[in-house]
Amino acid sequence: ALPSPEECATRINAALDERKITFAPGSGESEADSLPTVELIAEVMETCAHVPMEVGGHTDSQGREVMNQELSQLRAEAVVTALQARRVLTGNLTTRGYGETNPIADNGTEEGREANRRIEFKLIDVEDVVDADTPPAESEDEQN
């Protein structure tokens, strides 16, 4: 039997808690020591490819806010690309760069900034994912 969506997200995030995916400063290129974590996530994804998840990239607050948002998006996309390179089906994964908007620690310390630079997988409800090509439905007032 396939694992539940919750089990999939828990297993992936446990791997990320044990050893983060790290990136070169100011870059979307993951560092070599992140390879074992990517490999472990790829193994989990073998039985979790059916689960819709968001790969979220997060940064610390150093640098410009716009740059941090773009960098976090680039890093989330890099994780999906790394999984694709390992022949993982990624059709149910979406990416989102959060930049510095969701810190989990104090950006005033090096330890806090390090904690804030992270990748997270979270479950998403496919009904909540809006296709950008689909125009919003008209309300009854607009139809009449």
N, C-alpha and C. Protein backbone atom coordinates (compact mmCIF):
# COMPACT_ATOMS: atom_id res chain seq x y z
N ALA A 1 0.84 -1.19 0.00
CA ALA A 1 0.00 0.00 0.00
C ALA A 1 0.89 1.25 0.00
N LEU A 2 0.41 2.25 -0.70
CA LEU A 2 1.14 3.51 -0.75
C LEU A 2 1.01 4.25 0.57
N PRO A 3 2.04 5.01 0.94
CA PRO A 3 1.93 5.81 2.16
C PRO A 3 0.88 6.91 1.99
N SER A 4 0.34 7.36 3.11
CA SER A 4 -0.63 8.46 3.06
C SER A 4 0.10 9.74 2.68
N PRO A 5 -0.64 10.73 2.18
CA PRO A 5 0.01 12.03 1.88
C PRO A 5 0.74 12.59 3.10
N GLU A 6 0.15 12.46 4.27
CA GLU A 6 0.78 12.98 5.48
C GLU A 6 2.10 12.26 5.76
N GLU A 7 2.10 10.93 5.56
CA GLU A 7 3.34 10.17 5.77
C GLU A 7 4.42 10.61 4.79
N CYS A 8 4.03 10.86 3.55
CA CYS A 8 5.00 11.32 2.55
C CYS A 8 5.64 12.63 2.98
N ALA A 9 4.83 13.61 3.32
CA ALA A 9 5.36 14.92 3.72
C ALA A 9 6.22 14.80 4.98
N THR A 10 5.77 13.99 5.93
CA THR A 10 6.53 13.80 7.17
C THR A 10 7.89 13.18 6.90
N ARG A 11 7.93 12.16 6.05
CA ARG A 11 9.20 11.49 5.74
C ARG A 11 10.16 12.43 5.02
N ILE A 12 9.66 13.22 4.08
CA ILE A 12 10.53 14.15 3.35
C ILE A 12 11.06 15.23 4.28
N ASN A 13 10.17 15.80 5.08
CA ASN A 13 10.62 16.87 5.98
C ASN A 13 11.52 16.35 7.09
N ALA A 14 11.36 15.08 7.49
CA ALA A 14 12.28 14.48 8.46
C ALA A 14 13.68 14.39 7.86
N ALA A 15 13.76 14.04 6.58
CA ALA A 15 15.06 13.99 5.91
C ALA A 15 15.68 15.39 5.86
N LEU A 16 14.85 16.40 5.58
CA LEU A 16 15.35 17.78 5.54
C LEU A 16 15.74 18.28 6.92
N ASP A 17 15.05 17.83 7.96
CA ASP A 17 15.41 18.22 9.33
C ASP A 17 16.75 17.61 9.73
N GLU A 18 16.97 16.37 9.27
CA GLU A 18 18.21 15.68 9.61
C GLU A 18 19.41 16.32 8.92
N ARG A 19 19.22 16.65 7.64
CA ARG A 19 20.30 17.28 6.89
C ARG A 19 19.70 18.16 5.80
N LYS A 20 19.91 19.44 5.90
CA LYS A 20 19.33 20.41 4.97
C LYS A 20 19.92 20.30 3.58
N ILE A 21 19.15 20.80 2.63
CA ILE A 21 19.70 21.06 1.31
C ILE A 21 20.26 22.47 1.38
N THR A 22 21.55 22.60 1.14
CA THR A 22 22.20 23.91 1.24
C THR A 22 22.61 24.37 -0.15
N PHE A 23 22.75 25.67 -0.27
CA PHE A 23 23.07 26.30 -1.54
C PHE A 23 24.25 27.23 -1.37
N ALA A 24 24.99 27.42 -2.45
CA ALA A 24 26.06 28.40 -2.45
C ALA A 24 25.44 29.78 -2.18
N PRO A 25 26.12 30.66 -1.45
CA PRO A 25 25.56 31.98 -1.15
C PRO A 25 25.12 32.71 -2.42
N GLY A 26 23.89 33.24 -2.38
CA GLY A 26 23.36 34.00 -3.49
C GLY A 26 23.11 33.20 -4.75
N SER A 27 23.05 31.86 -4.61
CA SER A 27 22.95 31.00 -5.78
C SER A 27 21.82 29.99 -5.64
N GLY A 28 21.34 29.51 -6.77
CA GLY A 28 20.35 28.45 -6.79
C GLY A 28 21.00 27.09 -6.96
N GLU A 29 22.32 27.04 -6.93
CA GLU A 29 23.05 25.78 -7.11
C GLU A 29 23.27 25.12 -5.75
N SER A 30 22.76 23.89 -5.61
CA SER A 30 22.92 23.21 -4.32
C SER A 30 24.36 22.76 -4.14
N GLU A 31 24.77 22.71 -2.89
CA GLU A 31 26.14 22.32 -2.56
C GLU A 31 26.24 20.80 -2.58
N ALA A 32 27.43 20.29 -2.81
CA ALA A 32 27.66 18.85 -2.96
C ALA A 32 27.23 18.06 -1.73
N ASP A 33 27.36 18.65 -0.54
CA ASP A 33 26.99 17.90 0.66
C ASP A 33 25.48 17.71 0.80
N SER A 34 24.70 18.30 -0.10
CA SER A 34 23.25 18.12 -0.09
C SER A 34 22.80 16.89 -0.86
N LEU A 35 23.71 16.28 -1.61
CA LEU A 35 23.37 15.14 -2.46
C LEU A 35 22.70 14.00 -1.70
N PRO A 36 23.20 13.58 -0.52
CA PRO A 36 22.53 12.49 0.19
C PRO A 36 21.07 12.82 0.57
N THR A 37 20.80 14.07 0.88
CA THR A 37 19.43 14.47 1.22
C THR A 37 18.54 14.41 -0.01
N VAL A 38 19.04 14.90 -1.14
CA VAL A 38 18.28 14.84 -2.38
C VAL A 38 18.01 13.38 -2.74
N GLU A 39 18.99 12.52 -2.58
CA GLU A 39 18.83 11.09 -2.87
C GLU A 39 17.76 10.47 -1.97
N LEU A 40 17.76 10.83 -0.70
CA LEU A 40 16.77 10.30 0.23
C LEU A 40 15.36 10.78 -0.14
N ILE A 41 15.24 12.04 -0.50
CA ILE A 41 13.94 12.56 -0.93
C ILE A 41 13.48 11.83 -2.19
N ALA A 42 14.40 11.58 -3.11
CA ALA A 42 14.06 10.86 -4.34
C ALA A 42 13.54 9.46 -4.01
N GLU A 43 14.14 8.81 -3.03
CA GLU A 43 13.67 7.47 -2.62
C GLU A 43 12.25 7.55 -2.06
N VAL A 44 11.99 8.53 -1.21
CA VAL A 44 10.64 8.71 -0.65
C VAL A 44 9.64 8.98 -1.77
N MET A 45 10.05 9.80 -2.72
CA MET A 45 9.14 10.19 -3.81
C MET A 45 8.77 9.01 -4.72
N GLU A 46 9.54 7.93 -4.69
CA GLU A 46 9.19 6.76 -5.49
C GLU A 46 7.78 6.26 -5.16
N THR A 47 7.40 6.35 -3.89
CA THR A 47 6.06 5.91 -3.48
C THR A 47 5.14 7.09 -3.18
N CYS A 48 5.62 8.30 -3.40
CA CYS A 48 4.82 9.48 -3.07
C CYS A 48 4.59 10.41 -4.26
N ALA A 49 4.88 9.94 -5.45
CA ALA A 49 4.73 10.80 -6.63
C ALA A 49 3.28 11.21 -6.86
N HIS A 50 2.36 10.47 -6.28
CA HIS A 50 0.92 10.76 -6.45
C HIS A 50 0.45 11.89 -5.54
N VAL A 51 1.28 12.32 -4.63
CA VAL A 51 0.87 13.29 -3.60
C VAL A 51 1.18 14.71 -4.06
N PRO A 52 0.16 15.57 -4.13
CA PRO A 52 0.43 16.97 -4.48
C PRO A 52 1.10 17.70 -3.32
N MET A 53 2.31 18.20 -3.59
CA MET A 53 3.06 18.92 -2.57
C MET A 53 3.67 20.18 -3.17
N GLU A 54 3.88 21.14 -2.31
CA GLU A 54 4.58 22.36 -2.67
C GLU A 54 5.99 22.27 -2.13
N VAL A 55 6.95 22.61 -2.97
CA VAL A 55 8.34 22.73 -2.54
C VAL A 55 8.57 24.22 -2.31
N GLY A 56 8.73 24.60 -1.06
CA GLY A 56 8.87 26.00 -0.70
C GLY A 56 10.31 26.35 -0.39
N GLY A 57 10.77 27.44 -0.99
CA GLY A 57 12.11 27.94 -0.70
C GLY A 57 12.01 29.14 0.23
N HIS A 58 12.93 29.22 1.18
CA HIS A 58 12.94 30.30 2.17
C HIS A 58 14.36 30.84 2.31
N THR A 59 14.48 32.12 2.58
CA THR A 59 15.78 32.75 2.79
C THR A 59 15.80 33.47 4.13
N ASP A 60 16.97 33.95 4.49
CA ASP A 60 17.07 34.83 5.65
C ASP A 60 16.76 36.25 5.18
N SER A 61 16.91 37.22 6.06
CA SER A 61 16.53 38.60 5.71
C SER A 61 17.69 39.44 5.19
N GLN A 62 18.85 38.82 5.00
CA GLN A 62 19.96 39.60 4.46
C GLN A 62 19.75 39.82 2.97
N GLY A 63 20.07 40.98 2.50
CA GLY A 63 19.88 41.30 1.08
C GLY A 63 18.52 41.95 0.86
N ARG A 64 18.27 42.30 -0.41
CA ARG A 64 17.01 42.96 -0.76
C ARG A 64 15.87 41.95 -0.77
N GLU A 65 14.70 42.40 -0.36
CA GLU A 65 13.53 41.54 -0.27
C GLU A 65 13.19 40.90 -1.62
N VAL A 66 13.22 41.68 -2.69
CA VAL A 66 12.90 41.17 -4.03
C VAL A 66 13.91 40.11 -4.44
N MET A 67 15.17 40.37 -4.18
CA MET A 67 16.22 39.40 -4.52
C MET A 67 16.02 38.10 -3.74
N ASN A 68 15.67 38.22 -2.46
CA ASN A 68 15.46 37.03 -1.63
C ASN A 68 14.28 36.21 -2.14
N GLN A 69 13.22 36.88 -2.58
CA GLN A 69 12.07 36.15 -3.10
C GLN A 69 12.47 35.40 -4.36
N GLU A 70 13.17 36.05 -5.26
CA GLU A 70 13.61 35.41 -6.51
C GLU A 70 14.56 34.26 -6.22
N LEU A 71 15.47 34.45 -5.28
CA LEU A 71 16.43 33.42 -4.92
C LEU A 71 15.73 32.20 -4.32
N SER A 72 14.76 32.44 -3.46
CA SER A 72 14.04 31.32 -2.85
C SER A 72 13.25 30.53 -3.89
N GLN A 73 12.68 31.22 -4.88
CA GLN A 73 11.98 30.54 -5.98
C GLN A 73 12.96 29.70 -6.78
N LEU A 74 14.09 30.27 -7.10
CA LEU A 74 15.12 29.56 -7.86
C LEU A 74 15.57 28.30 -7.13
N ARG A 75 15.72 28.39 -5.83
CA ARG A 75 16.17 27.24 -5.04
C ARG A 75 15.09 26.15 -4.97
N ALA A 76 13.84 26.54 -4.83
CA ALA A 76 12.75 25.55 -4.84
C ALA A 76 12.73 24.83 -6.19
N GLU A 77 12.88 25.59 -7.27
CA GLU A 77 12.90 24.99 -8.60
C GLU A 77 14.11 24.08 -8.78
N ALA A 78 15.24 24.44 -8.19
CA ALA A 78 16.45 23.62 -8.29
C ALA A 78 16.25 22.26 -7.63
N VAL A 79 15.49 22.23 -6.53
CA VAL A 79 15.22 20.95 -5.86
C VAL A 79 14.39 20.06 -6.77
N VAL A 80 13.37 20.61 -7.39
CA VAL A 80 12.53 19.82 -8.31
C VAL A 80 13.37 19.34 -9.49
N THR A 81 14.22 20.19 -10.02
CA THR A 81 15.10 19.80 -11.13
C THR A 81 16.03 18.67 -10.71
N ALA A 82 16.56 18.74 -9.50
CA ALA A 82 17.44 17.68 -9.00
C ALA A 82 16.68 16.35 -8.87
N LEU A 83 15.42 16.42 -8.47
CA LEU A 83 14.61 15.21 -8.37
C LEU A 83 14.32 14.65 -9.77
N GLN A 84 14.03 15.54 -10.72
CA GLN A 84 13.79 15.10 -12.10
C GLN A 84 15.03 14.41 -12.66
N ALA A 85 16.21 14.91 -12.32
CA ALA A 85 17.45 14.31 -12.80
C ALA A 85 17.63 12.89 -12.26
N ARG A 86 16.92 12.58 -11.18
CA ARG A 86 16.96 11.24 -10.60
C ARG A 86 15.74 10.42 -11.03
N ARG A 87 15.10 10.87 -12.09
CA ARG A 87 13.94 10.20 -12.69
C ARG A 87 12.74 10.09 -11.76
N VAL A 88 12.60 11.09 -10.89
CA VAL A 88 11.44 11.17 -10.02
C VAL A 88 10.32 11.86 -10.78
N LEU A 89 9.12 11.30 -10.70
CA LEU A 89 7.96 11.95 -11.31
C LEU A 89 7.60 13.16 -10.45
N THR A 90 7.60 14.34 -11.06
CA THR A 90 7.40 15.57 -10.30
C THR A 90 6.16 16.33 -10.73
N GLY A 91 5.27 15.68 -11.46
CA GLY A 91 4.08 16.35 -11.96
C GLY A 91 3.16 16.88 -10.87
N ASN A 92 3.22 16.29 -9.68
CA ASN A 92 2.38 16.75 -8.56
C ASN A 92 3.10 17.73 -7.64
N LEU A 93 4.30 18.16 -8.04
CA LEU A 93 5.04 19.13 -7.23
C LEU A 93 4.90 20.51 -7.85
N THR A 94 4.69 21.50 -7.00
CA THR A 94 4.73 22.89 -7.42
C THR A 94 5.84 23.57 -6.62
N THR A 95 6.29 24.70 -7.08
CA THR A 95 7.34 25.42 -6.35
C THR A 95 6.83 26.80 -5.96
N ARG A 96 7.35 27.28 -4.85
CA ARG A 96 7.02 28.63 -4.42
C ARG A 96 8.18 29.20 -3.62
N GLY A 97 8.58 30.38 -4.01
CA GLY A 97 9.62 31.10 -3.28
C GLY A 97 8.97 32.04 -2.28
N TYR A 98 9.28 31.86 -1.03
CA TYR A 98 8.72 32.71 0.03
C TYR A 98 9.66 33.84 0.43
N GLY A 99 10.90 33.78 -0.05
CA GLY A 99 11.85 34.81 0.35
C GLY A 99 12.05 34.81 1.85
N GLU A 100 11.99 35.98 2.43
CA GLU A 100 12.25 36.15 3.87
C GLU A 100 10.96 36.28 4.67
N THR A 101 9.81 35.98 4.06
CA THR A 101 8.51 36.28 4.68
C THR A 101 8.10 35.34 5.80
N ASN A 102 8.66 34.14 5.89
CA ASN A 102 8.24 33.18 6.91
C ASN A 102 9.41 32.67 7.75
N PRO A 103 10.04 33.56 8.50
CA PRO A 103 11.18 33.09 9.30
C PRO A 103 10.73 32.15 10.42
N ILE A 104 11.59 31.18 10.73
CA ILE A 104 11.32 30.27 11.85
C ILE A 104 12.27 30.53 13.01
N ALA A 105 13.19 31.47 12.80
CA ALA A 105 14.18 31.80 13.83
C ALA A 105 14.55 33.28 13.70
N ASP A 106 15.34 33.76 14.63
CA ASP A 106 15.75 35.16 14.69
C ASP A 106 16.79 35.47 13.62
N ASN A 107 16.46 36.38 12.72
CA ASN A 107 17.41 36.79 11.69
C ASN A 107 18.55 37.64 12.25
N GLY A 108 18.50 37.95 13.53
CA GLY A 108 19.55 38.75 14.15
C GLY A 108 20.77 37.95 14.56
N THR A 109 20.69 36.61 14.43
CA THR A 109 21.84 35.76 14.77
C THR A 109 22.21 34.89 13.57
N GLU A 110 23.46 34.48 13.51
CA GLU A 110 23.90 33.60 12.41
C GLU A 110 23.13 32.27 12.45
N GLU A 111 22.91 31.75 13.66
CA GLU A 111 22.17 30.49 13.79
C GLU A 111 20.74 30.65 13.28
N GLY A 112 20.14 31.77 13.60
CA GLY A 112 18.78 32.03 13.14
C GLY A 112 18.70 32.18 11.64
N ARG A 113 19.65 32.92 11.08
CA ARG A 113 19.67 33.09 9.63
C ARG A 113 19.86 31.74 8.93
N GLU A 114 20.73 30.91 9.49
CA GLU A 114 20.96 29.57 8.93
C GLU A 114 19.67 28.75 8.96
N ALA A 115 18.93 28.81 10.04
CA ALA A 115 17.67 28.07 10.15
C ALA A 115 16.64 28.57 9.15
N ASN A 116 16.65 29.87 8.90
CA ASN A 116 15.67 30.46 7.99
C ASN A 116 15.94 30.13 6.52
N ARG A 117 17.18 29.80 6.20
CA ARG A 117 17.52 29.39 4.82
C ARG A 117 17.19 27.91 4.70
N ARG A 118 16.04 27.60 4.09
CA ARG A 118 15.59 26.22 4.08
C ARG A 118 14.67 25.92 2.91
N ILE A 119 14.49 24.63 2.69
CA ILE A 119 13.51 24.09 1.75
C ILE A 119 12.51 23.30 2.58
N GLU A 120 11.24 23.47 2.29
CA GLU A 120 10.19 22.71 2.99
C GLU A 120 9.22 22.12 1.96
N PHE A 121 8.75 20.92 2.24
CA PHE A 121 7.69 20.30 1.44
C PHE A 121 6.43 20.37 2.26
N LYS A 122 5.32 20.78 1.63
CA LYS A 122 4.05 20.77 2.35
C LYS A 122 2.95 20.27 1.42
N LEU A 123 1.99 19.61 2.03
CA LEU A 123 0.86 19.08 1.28
C LEU A 123 0.02 20.23 0.75
N ILE A 124 -0.50 20.05 -0.44
CA ILE A 124 -1.42 21.04 -0.99
C ILE A 124 -2.68 20.33 -1.45
N ASP A 125 -3.76 21.03 -1.39
CA ASP A 125 -5.03 20.53 -1.87
C ASP A 125 -5.12 20.95 -3.33
N VAL A 126 -5.22 19.97 -4.23
CA VAL A 126 -5.21 20.31 -5.66
C VAL A 126 -6.35 21.25 -6.02
N GLU A 127 -7.42 21.25 -5.26
CA GLU A 127 -8.52 22.17 -5.52
C GLU A 127 -8.15 23.61 -5.19
N ASP A 128 -7.14 23.78 -4.34
CA ASP A 128 -6.69 25.12 -3.98
C ASP A 128 -5.71 25.69 -5.01
N VAL A 129 -5.18 24.83 -5.86
CA VAL A 129 -4.22 25.28 -6.87
C VAL A 129 -5.02 25.80 -8.06
N VAL A 130 -4.89 27.09 -8.32
CA VAL A 130 -5.65 27.72 -9.40
C VAL A 130 -4.78 27.73 -10.65
N ASP A 131 -5.34 27.26 -11.74
CA ASP A 131 -4.63 27.29 -13.01
C ASP A 131 -4.59 28.74 -13.49
N ALA A 132 -3.40 29.25 -13.70
CA ALA A 132 -3.23 30.65 -14.09
C ALA A 132 -3.86 30.94 -15.45
N ASP A 133 -4.04 29.91 -16.27
CA ASP A 133 -4.63 30.11 -17.59
C ASP A 133 -6.15 30.14 -17.56
N THR A 134 -6.74 29.77 -16.44
CA THR A 134 -8.19 29.72 -16.34
C THR A 134 -8.70 31.03 -15.76
N PRO A 135 -9.55 31.75 -16.49
CA PRO A 135 -10.07 33.01 -15.94
C PRO A 135 -11.01 32.72 -14.78
N PRO A 136 -11.09 33.63 -13.82
CA PRO A 136 -12.00 33.42 -12.70
C PRO A 136 -13.45 33.35 -13.19
N ALA A 137 -14.24 32.56 -12.50
CA ALA A 137 -15.65 32.43 -12.86
C ALA A 137 -16.36 33.76 -12.62
N GLU A 138 -17.33 34.04 -13.49
CA GLU A 138 -18.11 35.28 -13.31
C GLU A 138 -19.13 35.07 -12.21
N SER A 139 -19.38 36.12 -11.48
CA SER A 139 -20.43 36.04 -10.46
C SER A 139 -21.77 36.19 -11.15
N GLU A 140 -22.86 35.91 -10.42
CA GLU A 140 -24.20 36.02 -11.02
C GLU A 140 -24.46 37.45 -11.47
N ASP A 141 -23.97 38.44 -10.72
CA ASP A 141 -24.19 39.84 -11.07
C ASP A 141 -23.54 40.16 -12.42
N GLU A 142 -22.34 39.59 -12.65
CA GLU A 142 -21.65 39.87 -13.89
C GLU A 142 -22.30 39.16 -15.08
N GLN A 143 -22.97 38.03 -14.81
CA GLN A 143 -23.62 37.28 -15.87
C GLN A 143 -24.92 37.94 -16.32
N ASN A 144 -25.56 38.69 -15.45
CA ASN A 144 -26.87 39.30 -15.76
C ASN A 144 -26.76 40.69 -16.30
